[in-house]
C-alpha atoms as a PDB file:
ATOM      1  CA  MET A   1       0.000   0.000   0.000  1.00  0.00           C
ATOM      2  CA  SER A   2       1.464   3.362  -0.976  1.00  0.00           C
ATOM      3  CA  TRP A   3       0.715   6.916   0.076  1.00  0.00           C
ATOM      4  CA  PRO A   4      -1.168   8.662  -2.782  1.00  0.00           C
ATOM      5  CA  ILE A   5      -0.360  12.357  -2.197  1.00  0.00           C
ATOM      6  CA  GLU A   6       3.006  13.808  -3.169  1.00  0.00           C
ATOM      7  CA  GLY A   7       4.513  16.564  -1.039  1.00  0.00           C
ATOM      8  CA  ALA A   8       4.411  17.716   2.570  1.00  0.00           C
ATOM      9  CA  VAL A   9       1.526  16.948   4.915  1.00  0.00           C
ATOM     10  CA  TRP A  10       0.628  19.312   7.763  1.00  0.00           C
ATOM     11  CA  PHE A  11      -1.801  18.664  10.600  1.00  0.00           C
ATOM     12  CA  ALA A  12      -3.256  21.650  12.431  1.00  0.00           C
ATOM     13  CA  GLY A  13      -4.270  20.031  15.706  1.00  0.00           C
ATOM     14  CA  CYS A  14      -3.689  16.347  16.357  1.00  0.00           C
ATOM     15  CA  GLY A  15      -6.012  15.168  19.105  1.00  0.00           C
ATOM     16  CA  ASN A  16      -7.695  11.776  19.304  1.00  0.00           C
ATOM     17  CA  MET A  17      -9.086  11.842  15.767  1.00  0.00           C
ATOM     18  CA  GLY A  18      -6.063  13.429  14.142  1.00  0.00           C
ATOM     19  CA  SER A  19      -3.683  11.010  15.871  1.00  0.00           C
ATOM     20  CA  ALA A  20      -5.792   8.048  14.763  1.00  0.00           C
ATOM     21  CA  ILE A  21      -5.699   9.170  11.137  1.00  0.00           C
ATOM     22  CA  LEU A  22      -2.025  10.101  11.111  1.00  0.00           C
ATOM     23  CA  SER A  23      -0.973   6.840  12.779  1.00  0.00           C
ATOM     24  CA  ARG A  24      -2.897   4.839  10.200  1.00  0.00           C
ATOM     25  CA  TRP A  25      -1.464   6.820   7.292  1.00  0.00           C
ATOM     26  CA  LEU A  26       2.056   6.303   8.605  1.00  0.00           C
ATOM     27  CA  GLU A  27       1.401   2.567   8.713  1.00  0.00           C
ATOM     28  CA  CYS A  28       0.141   2.745   5.124  1.00  0.00           C
ATOM     29  CA  GLY A  29       3.313   4.326   3.792  1.00  0.00           C
ATOM     30  CA  LEU A  30       3.243   8.064   4.529  1.00  0.00           C
ATOM     31  CA  ASN A  31       6.854   9.089   5.176  1.00  0.00           C
ATOM     32  CA  PRO A  32       7.014  10.660   8.676  1.00  0.00           C
ATOM     33  CA  ALA A  33       9.769  12.991   7.477  1.00  0.00           C
ATOM     34  CA  ARG A  34       7.157  14.707   5.276  1.00  0.00           C
ATOM     35  CA  VAL A  35       4.767  15.325   8.182  1.00  0.00           C
ATOM     36  CA  THR A  36       4.503  18.422  10.355  1.00  0.00           C
ATOM     37  CA  VAL A  37       2.051  18.577  13.245  1.00  0.00           C
ATOM     38  CA  ILE A  38       1.105  22.003  14.564  1.00  0.00           C
ATOM     39  CA  ASP A  39      -0.036  21.410  18.126  1.00  0.00           C
ATOM     40  CA  PRO A  40       1.134  22.825  21.480  1.00  0.00           C
ATOM     41  CA  ALA A  41       0.835  19.394  23.113  1.00  0.00           C
ATOM     42  CA  PRO A  42       3.412  17.089  21.484  1.00  0.00           C
ATOM     43  CA  ALA A  43       2.822  13.342  21.176  1.00  0.00           C
ATOM     44  CA  SER A  44       5.116  10.440  20.443  1.00  0.00           C
ATOM     45  CA  LEU A  45       5.106   9.724  16.724  1.00  0.00           C
ATOM     46  CA  PRO A  46       8.652   8.780  15.638  1.00  0.00           C
ATOM     47  CA  GLY A  47      10.071  10.860  12.808  1.00  0.00           C
ATOM     48  CA  VAL A  48       7.201  13.384  12.743  1.00  0.00           C
ATOM     49  CA  ARG A  49       8.062  17.061  13.223  1.00  0.00           C
ATOM     50  CA  TRP A  50       5.998  18.611  16.018  1.00  0.00           C
ATOM     51  CA  VAL A  51       5.776  22.406  16.312  1.00  0.00           C
ATOM     52  CA  ALA A  52       3.697  24.835  18.369  1.00  0.00           C
ATOM     53  CA  ALA A  53       3.048  27.276  15.495  1.00  0.00           C
ATOM     54  CA  PRO A  54       2.927  27.059  11.692  1.00  0.00           C
ATOM     55  CA  PRO A  55       6.437  27.017  10.195  1.00  0.00           C
ATOM     56  CA  GLN A  56       7.420  30.287   8.540  1.00  0.00           C
ATOM     57  CA  GLY A  57       9.162  30.657   5.209  1.00  0.00           C
ATOM     58  CA  GLU A  58       8.330  27.156   3.962  1.00  0.00           C
ATOM     59  CA  ALA A  59       6.399  26.115   0.896  1.00  0.00           C
ATOM     60  CA  ALA A  60       2.730  25.367   1.451  1.00  0.00           C
ATOM     61  CA  PRO A  61       1.996  21.667   2.038  1.00  0.00           C
ATOM     62  CA  ALA A  62       0.311  19.416  -0.494  1.00  0.00           C
ATOM     63  CA  LEU A  63      -2.172  18.366   2.182  1.00  0.00           C
ATOM     64  CA  PHE A  64      -3.243  20.492   5.137  1.00  0.00           C
ATOM     65  CA  VAL A  65      -5.432  18.626   7.649  1.00  0.00           C
ATOM     66  CA  LEU A  66      -7.505  20.923   9.814  1.00  0.00           C
ATOM     67  CA  GLY A  67      -8.248  19.103  13.052  1.00  0.00           C
ATOM     68  CA  ILE A  68      -8.748  21.820  15.640  1.00  0.00           C
ATOM     69  CA  LYS A  69     -12.008  22.393  17.500  1.00  0.00           C
ATOM     70  CA  PRO A  70     -14.583  24.198  15.306  1.00  0.00           C
ATOM     71  CA  GLN A  71     -14.941  26.978  17.873  1.00  0.00           C
ATOM     72  CA  MET A  72     -11.204  27.738  17.536  1.00  0.00           C
ATOM     73  CA  LEU A  73     -11.247  28.266  13.770  1.00  0.00           C
ATOM     74  CA  ASP A  74     -11.529  32.040  13.616  1.00  0.00           C
ATOM     75  CA  ASP A  75      -8.998  32.583  16.407  1.00  0.00           C
ATOM     76  CA  ALA A  76      -6.507  30.297  14.647  1.00  0.00           C
ATOM     77  CA  LEU A  77      -7.226  31.593  11.150  1.00  0.00           C
ATOM     78  CA  PRO A  78      -4.543  34.340  11.046  1.00  0.00           C
ATOM     79  CA  ALA A  79      -1.864  31.735  11.747  1.00  0.00           C
ATOM     80  CA  TYR A  80      -3.209  29.111   9.344  1.00  0.00           C
ATOM     81  CA  ALA A  81      -4.488  31.168   6.413  1.00  0.00           C
ATOM     82  CA  GLY A  82      -1.019  31.600   4.933  1.00  0.00           C
ATOM     83  CA  ALA A  83      -0.233  27.907   5.212  1.00  0.00           C
ATOM     84  CA  VAL A  84      -2.229  26.898   2.138  1.00  0.00           C
ATOM     85  CA  SER A  85      -1.857  27.716  -1.550  1.00  0.00           C
ATOM     86  CA  GLU A  86      -3.566  26.818  -4.811  1.00  0.00           C
ATOM     87  CA  GLN A  87      -1.486  23.622  -4.760  1.00  0.00           C
ATOM     88  CA  THR A  88      -2.866  22.628  -1.353  1.00  0.00           C
ATOM     89  CA  ILE A  89      -5.688  20.230  -0.565  1.00  0.00           C
ATOM     90  CA  LEU A  90      -7.304  21.487   2.627  1.00  0.00           C
ATOM     91  CA  LEU A  91      -8.943  18.597   4.493  1.00  0.00           C
ATOM     92  CA  SER A  92     -11.246  19.774   7.265  1.00  0.00           C
ATOM     93  CA  MET A  93     -12.530  17.569  10.068  1.00  0.00           C
ATOM     94  CA  LEU A  94     -14.347  20.467  11.748  1.00  0.00           C
ATOM     95  CA  ALA A  95     -17.826  19.292  12.710  1.00  0.00           C
ATOM     96  CA  GLY A  96     -20.551  21.538  11.333  1.00  0.00           C
ATOM     97  CA  VAL A  97     -18.258  23.872   9.358  1.00  0.00           C
ATOM     98  CA  GLU A  98     -19.540  23.879   5.794  1.00  0.00           C
ATOM     99  CA  LEU A  99     -17.523  24.049   2.594  1.00  0.00           C
ATOM    100  CA  GLY A 100     -18.696  27.599   1.868  1.00  0.00           C
ATOM    101  CA  GLN A 101     -17.442  28.785   5.244  1.00  0.00           C
ATOM    102  CA  LEU A 102     -14.125  27.048   4.707  1.00  0.00           C
ATOM    103  CA  ARG A 103     -13.760  28.568   1.218  1.00  0.00           C
ATOM    104  CA  LYS A 104     -14.524  31.991   2.666  1.00  0.00           C
ATOM    105  CA  ARG A 105     -11.685  31.576   5.146  1.00  0.00           C
ATOM    106  CA  PHE A 106      -9.240  29.809   2.815  1.00  0.00           C
ATOM    107  CA  PRO A 107      -9.996  31.284  -0.639  1.00  0.00           C
ATOM    108  CA  GLN A 108      -6.568  30.422  -1.977  1.00  0.00           C
ATOM    109  CA  ALA A 109      -6.805  26.667  -1.346  1.00  0.00           C
ATOM    110  CA  GLY A 110      -6.747  24.600  -4.521  1.00  0.00           C
ATOM    111  CA  ALA A 111      -9.255  22.078  -3.182  1.00  0.00           C
ATOM    112  CA  ILE A 112     -11.224  21.944   0.046  1.00  0.00           C
ATOM    113  CA  VAL A 113     -12.481  18.631   1.365  1.00  0.00           C
ATOM    114  CA  ARG A 114     -14.928  18.351   4.225  1.00  0.00           C
ATOM    115  CA  ALA A 115     -14.554  15.061   6.084  1.00  0.00           C
ATOM    116  CA  MET A 116     -16.381  13.396   8.961  1.00  0.00           C
ATOM    117  CA  PRO A 117     -14.319  10.354  10.072  1.00  0.00           C
ATOM    118  CA  ASN A 118     -14.505   8.196  13.187  1.00  0.00           C
ATOM    119  CA  LEU A 119     -11.912   6.677  15.515  1.00  0.00           C
ATOM    120  CA  ALA A 120     -11.923   3.206  13.962  1.00  0.00           C
ATOM    121  CA  ALA A 121      -9.839   4.842  11.217  1.00  0.00           C
ATOM    122  CA  ARG A 122      -6.882   3.935  13.440  1.00  0.00           C
ATOM    123  CA  LEU A 123      -7.477   0.268  12.553  1.00  0.00           C
ATOM    124  CA  GLY A 124      -8.375   0.879   8.927  1.00  0.00           C
ATOM    125  CA  LYS A 125     -11.992   0.125   9.874  1.00  0.00           C
ATOM    126  CA  GLY A 126     -13.303   3.679  10.014  1.00  0.00           C
ATOM    127  CA  VAL A 127     -16.169   5.314   8.173  1.00  0.00           C
ATOM    128  CA  THR A 128     -15.642   8.740   6.613  1.00  0.00           C
ATOM    129  CA  GLY A 129     -18.116  11.004   4.857  1.00  0.00           C
ATOM    130  CA  LEU A 130     -16.599  13.332   2.258  1.00  0.00           C
ATOM    131  CA  MET A 131     -17.465  16.277   0.042  1.00  0.00           C
ATOM    132  CA  MET A 132     -15.138  18.408  -2.077  1.00  0.00           C
ATOM    133  CA  ASP A 133     -15.055  21.966  -3.370  1.00  0.00           C
ATOM    134  CA  GLY A 134     -12.687  22.899  -6.187  1.00  0.00           C
ATOM    135  CA  GLY A 135      -9.706  20.845  -7.224  1.00  0.00           C
ATOM    136  CA  HIS A 136      -9.549  18.441 -10.139  1.00  0.00           C
ATOM    137  CA  ASP A 137      -9.981  14.754 -10.859  1.00  0.00           C
ATOM    138  CA  ALA A 138      -6.441  13.912  -9.739  1.00  0.00           C
ATOM    139  CA  ALA A 139      -6.953  15.636  -6.382  1.00  0.00           C
ATOM    140  CA  HIS A 140     -10.282  13.859  -5.905  1.00  0.00           C
ATOM    141  CA  ALA A 141      -8.700  10.495  -6.696  1.00  0.00           C
ATOM    142  CA  ALA A 142      -5.770  11.147  -4.328  1.00  0.00           C
ATOM    143  CA  VAL A 143      -8.073  12.086  -1.447  1.00  0.00           C
ATOM    144  CA  ASP A 144     -10.301   9.106  -2.150  1.00  0.00           C
ATOM    145  CA  ALA A 145      -7.308   6.757  -2.035  1.00  0.00           C
ATOM    146  CA  ALA A 146      -5.989   8.303   1.187  1.00  0.00           C
ATOM    147  CA  MET A 147      -9.347   8.100   2.926  1.00  0.00           C
ATOM    148  CA  HIS A 148      -9.925   4.514   1.832  1.00  0.00           C
ATOM    149  CA  GLN A 149      -6.768   3.632   3.747  1.00  0.00           C
ATOM    150  CA  LEU A 150      -8.797   4.541   6.837  1.00  0.00           C
ATOM    151  CA  GLY A 151     -11.713   2.246   5.956  1.00  0.00           C
ATOM    152  CA  LEU A 152     -15.007   2.956   4.209  1.00  0.00           C
ATOM    153  CA  ALA A 153     -15.126   6.367   2.469  1.00  0.00           C
ATOM    154  CA  GLU A 154     -18.453   7.688   1.216  1.00  0.00           C
ATOM    155  CA  TRP A 155     -18.793  10.803  -0.980  1.00  0.00           C
ATOM    156  CA  LEU A 156     -21.972  12.764  -0.282  1.00  0.00           C
ATOM    157  CA  THR A 157     -23.979  14.538  -2.971  1.00  0.00           C
ATOM    158  CA  GLU A 158     -25.586  17.173  -0.732  1.00  0.00           C
ATOM    159  CA  GLU A 159     -23.884  18.947   2.129  1.00  0.00           C
ATOM    160  CA  ASP A 160     -26.975  18.826   4.316  1.00  0.00           C
ATOM    161  CA  GLN A 161     -26.457  15.052   4.443  1.00  0.00           C
ATOM    162  CA  PHE A 162     -23.486  15.629   6.763  1.00  0.00           C
ATOM    163  CA  HIS A 163     -25.865  16.147   9.674  1.00  0.00           C
ATOM    164  CA  ALA A 164     -27.306  12.646   9.237  1.00  0.00           C
ATOM    165  CA  LEU A 165     -23.905  11.092   8.535  1.00  0.00           C
ATOM    166  CA  THR A 166     -22.495  12.736  11.665  1.00  0.00           C
ATOM    167  CA  ALA A 167     -25.291  11.171  13.700  1.00  0.00           C
ATOM    168  CA  VAL A 168     -24.988   7.684  12.179  1.00  0.00           C
ATOM    169  CA  SER A 169     -21.245   7.102  11.731  1.00  0.00           C
ATOM    170  CA  GLY A 170     -19.510  10.100  13.303  1.00  0.00           C
ATOM    171  CA  SER A 171     -21.159   9.932  16.721  1.00  0.00           C
ATOM    172  CA  GLY A 172     -22.489   6.389  16.261  1.00  0.00           C
ATOM    173  CA  PRO A 173     -19.433   4.644  17.759  1.00  0.00           C
ATOM    174  CA  ALA A 174     -20.033   6.370  21.098  1.00  0.00           C
ATOM    175  CA  PHE A 175     -23.587   5.055  21.119  1.00  0.00           C
ATOM    176  CA  LEU A 176     -22.381   1.546  20.336  1.00  0.00           C
ATOM    177  CA  TYR A 177     -19.764   1.736  23.114  1.00  0.00           C
ATOM    178  CA  ARG A 178     -22.479   2.727  25.566  1.00  0.00           C
ATOM    179  CA  PHE A 179     -24.558  -0.260  24.449  1.00  0.00           C
ATOM    180  CA  VAL A 180     -21.615  -2.627  25.010  1.00  0.00           C
ATOM    181  CA  ALA A 181     -20.998  -1.099  28.438  1.00  0.00           C
ATOM    182  CA  ALA A 182     -24.683  -1.549  29.308  1.00  0.00           C
ATOM    183  CA  LEU A 183     -24.549  -5.213  28.237  1.00  0.00           C
ATOM    184  CA  ALA A 184     -21.551  -5.817  30.491  1.00  0.00           C
ATOM    185  CA  LYS A 185     -23.143  -3.971  33.413  1.00  0.00           C
ATOM    186  CA  SER A 186     -26.354  -5.971  33.091  1.00  0.00           C
ATOM    187  CA  GLY A 187     -24.373  -9.209  32.781  1.00  0.00           C
ATOM    188  CA  THR A 188     -22.679  -8.378  36.060  1.00  0.00           C
ATOM    189  CA  ALA A 189     -26.059  -7.694  37.659  1.00  0.00           C
ATOM    190  CA  LEU A 190     -27.162 -11.170  36.529  1.00  0.00           C
ATOM    191  CA  GLY A 191     -24.245 -12.803  38.344  1.00  0.00           C
ATOM    192  CA  LEU A 192     -21.168 -12.722  36.090  1.00  0.00           C
ATOM    193  CA  PRO A 193     -17.859 -11.342  37.387  1.00  0.00           C
ATOM    194  CA  GLU A 194     -17.408  -7.768  36.119  1.00  0.00           C
ATOM    195  CA  ASP A 195     -14.270  -8.461  34.066  1.00  0.00           C
ATOM    196  CA  GLN A 196     -15.760 -11.568  32.502  1.00  0.00           C
ATOM    197  CA  ALA A 197     -19.005  -9.782  31.618  1.00  0.00           C
ATOM    198  CA  MET A 198     -16.979  -7.080  29.853  1.00  0.00           C
ATOM    199  CA  ARG A 199     -14.945  -9.640  27.897  1.00  0.00           C
ATOM    200  CA  LEU A 200     -18.124 -11.384  26.812  1.00  0.00           C
ATOM    201  CA  ALA A 201     -19.791  -8.132  25.761  1.00  0.00           C
ATOM    202  CA  LYS A 202     -16.742  -6.968  23.806  1.00  0.00           C
ATOM    203  CA  GLY A 203     -16.245 -10.338  22.118  1.00  0.00           C
ATOM    204  CA  MET A 204     -19.908 -10.513  21.152  1.00  0.00           C
ATOM    205  CA  ALA A 205     -19.781  -6.988  19.709  1.00  0.00           C
ATOM    206  CA  GLU A 206     -16.647  -7.775  17.690  1.00  0.00           C
ATOM    207  CA  GLY A 207     -18.058 -10.942  16.174  1.00  0.00           C
ATOM    208  CA  ALA A 208     -21.528  -9.572  15.513  1.00  0.00           C
ATOM    209  CA  ALA A 209     -20.114  -6.417  13.920  1.00  0.00           C
ATOM    210  CA  ALA A 210     -17.828  -8.449  11.656  1.00  0.00           C
ATOM    211  CA  LEU A 211     -20.736 -10.647  10.578  1.00  0.00           C
ATOM    212  CA  VAL A 212     -23.144  -7.812   9.831  1.00  0.00           C
ATOM    213  CA  ALA A 213     -20.422  -5.945   7.926  1.00  0.00           C
ATOM    214  CA  GLN A 214     -19.647  -8.918   5.693  1.00  0.00           C
ATOM    215  CA  SER A 215     -23.123 -10.369   5.239  1.00  0.00           C
ATOM    216  CA  PRO A 216     -25.305  -9.312   2.297  1.00  0.00           C
ATOM    217  CA  ASP A 217     -28.349  -9.894   4.483  1.00  0.00           C
ATOM    218  CA  HIS A 218     -30.299  -7.189   6.300  1.00  0.00           C
ATOM    219  CA  PRO A 219     -29.504  -6.942  10.031  1.00  0.00           C
ATOM    220  CA  ASP A 220     -33.131  -7.792  10.828  1.00  0.00           C
ATOM    221  CA  ASP A 221     -32.701 -11.062   8.915  1.00  0.00           C
ATOM    222  CA  LEU A 222     -29.552 -11.865  10.876  1.00  0.00           C
ATOM    223  CA  ALA A 223     -31.430 -11.185  14.111  1.00  0.00           C
ATOM    224  CA  ALA A 224     -34.158 -13.553  12.979  1.00  0.00           C
ATOM    225  CA  ARG A 225     -31.598 -16.335  12.509  1.00  0.00           C
ATOM    226  CA  VAL A 226     -30.551 -15.997  16.149  1.00  0.00           C
ATOM    227  CA  THR A 227     -34.141 -16.072  17.346  1.00  0.00           C
ATOM    228  CA  SER A 228     -36.120 -19.246  18.036  1.00  0.00           C
ATOM    229  CA  LYS A 229     -39.843 -18.970  18.632  1.00  0.00           C
ATOM    230  CA  GLY A 230     -40.490 -18.924  22.353  1.00  0.00           C
ATOM    231  CA  GLY A 231     -36.751 -18.908  23.117  1.00  0.00           C
ATOM    232  CA  THR A 232     -34.480 -16.638  25.140  1.00  0.00           C
ATOM    233  CA  THR A 233     -33.629 -14.217  22.326  1.00  0.00           C
ATOM    234  CA  ALA A 234     -37.279 -13.802  21.422  1.00  0.00           C
ATOM    235  CA  GLU A 235     -38.043 -12.900  25.018  1.00  0.00           C
ATOM    236  CA  GLY A 236     -35.365 -10.205  25.036  1.00  0.00           C
ATOM    237  CA  LEU A 237     -36.361  -8.818  21.636  1.00  0.00           C
ATOM    238  CA  ALA A 238     -39.926  -8.516  22.889  1.00  0.00           C
ATOM    239  CA  VAL A 239     -38.653  -5.922  25.375  1.00  0.00           C
ATOM    240  CA  LEU A 240     -36.723  -3.970  22.738  1.00  0.00           C
ATOM    241  CA  ASP A 241     -39.609  -4.142  20.254  1.00  0.00           C
ATOM    242  CA  HIS A 242     -42.411  -3.244  22.673  1.00  0.00           C
ATOM    243  CA  ASP A 243     -43.931   0.025  21.450  1.00  0.00           C
ATOM    244  CA  SER A 244     -40.886   0.270  19.107  1.00  0.00           C
ATOM    245  CA  ALA A 245     -38.878   1.280  22.188  1.00  0.00           C
ATOM    246  CA  MET A 246     -35.445   0.761  20.654  1.00  0.00           C
ATOM    247  CA  ASP A 247     -36.336   2.434  17.353  1.00  0.00           C
ATOM    248  CA  ALA A 248     -37.740   5.418  19.240  1.00  0.00           C
ATOM    249  CA  LEU A 249     -34.677   5.714  21.485  1.00  0.00           C
ATOM    250  CA  ILE A 250     -32.228   5.574  18.566  1.00  0.00           C
ATOM    251  CA  ALA A 251     -34.305   8.013  16.523  1.00  0.00           C
ATOM    252  CA  ALA A 252     -34.340  10.519  19.392  1.00  0.00           C
ATOM    253  CA  THR A 253     -30.593  10.068  19.900  1.00  0.00           C
ATOM    254  CA  LEU A 254     -29.766  10.696  16.245  1.00  0.00           C
ATOM    255  CA  GLU A 255     -32.180  13.610  16.002  1.00  0.00           C
ATOM    256  CA  ALA A 256     -30.418  15.277  18.942  1.00  0.00           C
ATOM    257  CA  THR A 257     -27.035  14.655  17.330  1.00  0.00           C
ATOM    258  CA  ALA A 258     -28.102  16.021  13.946  1.00  0.00           C
ATOM    259  CA  ARG A 259     -29.695  19.043  15.607  1.00  0.00           C
ATOM    260  CA  ARG A 260     -26.399  19.857  17.348  1.00  0.00           C
ATOM    261  CA  SER A 261     -24.585  19.464  14.029  1.00  0.00           C
ATOM    262  CA  ARG A 262     -26.898  22.072  12.491  1.00  0.00           C
ATOM    263  CA  GLU A 263     -26.324  24.386  15.458  1.00  0.00           C
ATOM    264  CA  LEU A 264     -22.560  24.164  14.948  1.00  0.00           C
ATOM    265  CA  ALA A 265     -23.019  24.911  11.248  1.00  0.00           C
ATOM    266  CA  ASP A 266     -25.092  28.007  12.077  1.00  0.00           C
ATOM    267  CA  ALA A 267     -22.483  29.166  14.596  1.00  0.00           C
ATOM    268  CA  ALA A 268     -19.711  28.835  11.999  1.00  0.00           C
ATOM    269  CA  LYS A 269     -21.650  31.155   9.691  1.00  0.00           C
ATOM    270  CA  GLY A 270     -21.472  33.877  12.307  1.00  0.00           C
END
C-alpha cells in the first residue's frame, strides 16, 4: 500500500481523531519525514516534526489537515491562512463547518475537502463522509485513495447530508460503546464477574459487527436467525420491540445529534 499524495503533509491540531488518522497513514506508507504537526501538546510519533506554530518561510503543504475544534477556527485563522496555496488540498474535520465557510476563510486553497471520520480509522476500519469543493480529478482520486486507507469512504452529494452522517457514523461509535458497556453492566447484575461480563460483551460486539459488515443480508434477517420462537432471544427482543422502544430511542438520539450538528453549522456562519 502506498501513500497517494506527493509533497508535505501538515496537521493543524492532532487530538484523538487526528492522531488516529495520522498513525494509520504512517502505517500505510506516509513518510514521517514529510509530516509536520502544529499542536502545542506534542505526542510520540517517531520521525514526525511537532511544532507549536505554523512554520514560517516554507512552501505550502500538499495536504493540510484541519483538526482543531470548530470553535477555535476564527482565532486560529490568522496563523493558518497563509499555510495553504492553490497547490494545497485542505482537508477539514471540523464538525458543522460547511464548505462555503471554509472557502470563505481559505480562498486560496486549490481544493477543500470536508470530512467526517470516526476513531476506527486507526485500525483501517473507520467510516468517513466526504465532500469536495474545487480541485480536479487527480486531487479527488488522491483524497479518495488516502481516505480509503482509513476504511469505508463515502462521498456525499448534498452537504446537508453531513448532519445525518455525523449522527450515524460520526457519533455512532459512542452510542455503540455505551450499548456494550450496558450489556456488560447488566451481565454483572445477573451474576457474572465484572471483568468476565466485559470480555463477553466486547467479544460478542466484535463478532456480531464483523458478521453484519460482511453479510449481504439485512440486520433484521440476521437477528431472525438468532431467534427461536419462544426462546431466550425472542423474550429479550420482545422488550426492545415493545412500542418500538429501541427504534424510538435511537431516533431521538440521532435527532439530537443532527440538531447539534446544524447548530454548529449556524455558529460557523457567524
